[in-house]
Protein backbone atom coordinates (compact mmCIF):
# COMPACT_ATOMS: atom_id res chain seq x y z
CA UNK A 1 143.45 -10.61 -25.46
CA UNK A 2 142.24 -13.44 -23.22
CA UNK A 3 142.32 -11.11 -20.21
CA UNK A 4 139.98 -8.66 -21.91
CA UNK A 5 137.52 -11.42 -22.71
CA UNK A 6 137.67 -12.70 -19.12
CA UNK A 7 136.98 -9.21 -17.78
CA UNK A 8 134.05 -8.82 -20.17
CA UNK A 9 132.51 -12.17 -19.09
CA UNK A 10 132.96 -11.21 -15.44
CA UNK A 11 131.22 -7.90 -16.08
CA UNK A 12 128.23 -9.63 -17.71
CA UNK A 13 127.68 -12.15 -14.89
CA UNK A 14 125.05 -11.32 -12.29
CA UNK A 15 126.24 -10.90 -8.76
CA UNK A 16 124.35 -12.27 -5.75
CA UNK A 17 122.42 -9.05 -5.08
CA UNK A 18 121.12 -8.89 -8.65
CA UNK A 19 119.96 -12.52 -8.45
CA UNK A 20 118.18 -11.88 -5.15
CA UNK A 21 116.47 -8.77 -6.54
CA UNK A 22 115.33 -10.67 -9.62
CA UNK A 23 113.99 -13.46 -7.40
CA UNK A 24 112.13 -10.99 -5.21
CA UNK A 25 110.62 -9.30 -8.25
CA UNK A 26 109.40 -12.62 -9.64
CA UNK A 27 107.93 -13.53 -6.26
CA UNK A 28 106.17 -10.17 -5.99
CA UNK A 29 104.70 -10.52 -9.49
CA UNK A 30 103.51 -14.05 -8.68
CA UNK A 31 101.90 -12.80 -5.45
CA UNK A 32 100.09 -9.99 -7.28
CA UNK A 33 98.79 -12.41 -9.91
CA UNK A 34 97.61 -14.78 -7.19
CA UNK A 35 95.78 -11.99 -5.33
CA UNK A 36 94.04 -10.88 -8.54
CA UNK A 37 92.95 -14.46 -9.24
CA UNK A 38 91.61 -14.92 -5.71
CA UNK A 39 89.65 -11.66 -5.86
CA UNK A 40 88.25 -12.62 -9.26
CA UNK A 41 87.22 -16.03 -7.95
CA UNK A 42 85.44 -14.51 -4.95
CA UNK A 43 83.51 -12.11 -7.19
CA UNK A 44 82.62 -14.93 -9.59
CA UNK A 45 81.36 -17.19 -6.79
CA UNK A 46 79.24 -14.36 -5.39
CA UNK A 47 77.64 -13.66 -8.78
CA UNK A 48 77.04 -17.36 -9.42
CA UNK A 49 75.40 -17.69 -6.01
CA UNK A 50 73.02 -14.81 -6.84
CA UNK A 51 72.11 -16.34 -10.21
CA UNK A 52 71.55 -19.73 -8.58
CA UNK A 53 69.26 -18.17 -5.99
CA UNK A 54 67.23 -16.49 -8.74
CA UNK A 55 67.02 -19.70 -10.77
CA UNK A 56 65.83 -21.63 -7.72
CA UNK A 57 63.12 -19.05 -7.17
CA UNK A 58 62.02 -19.14 -10.81
CA UNK A 59 61.92 -22.95 -10.84
CA UNK A 60 59.43 -22.92 -7.97
CA UNK A 61 57.18 -20.74 -10.17
CA UNK A 62 57.09 -18.07 -7.50
CA UNK A 63 55.73 -14.70 -8.50
CA UNK A 64 57.85 -12.55 -6.18
CA UNK A 65 61.35 -13.33 -7.54
CA UNK A 66 61.88 -9.63 -8.24
CA UNK A 67 62.95 -9.23 -4.61
CA UNK A 68 66.11 -11.22 -5.44
CA UNK A 69 67.06 -9.01 -8.39
CA UNK A 70 68.62 -5.64 -7.64
CA UNK A 71 67.60 -2.90 -10.08
CA UNK A 72 70.45 -1.48 -12.18
CA UNK A 73 72.10 1.64 -10.84
CA UNK A 74 72.20 4.73 -13.09
CA UNK A 75 75.63 5.61 -14.42
CA UNK A 76 77.50 8.06 -12.22
CA UNK A 77 75.32 7.50 -9.13
CA UNK A 78 76.78 5.71 -6.15
């Protein structure tokens, strides 16, 4: 009976290829998450820069700050 248990434990252990594949998958997922975070940060910084530019214009009490604001695009139009 001890041989059967030993064979079962050996069957359940991961071999080297399975460990490498799992490591690659984790690395790929981490890379994808990192890319999404970087893209989100770039978009956020761009939007914050636009808002800051508009606020600076409004604080100078300028009357032509509409040039800094892009009109909204209609839905479905590119």
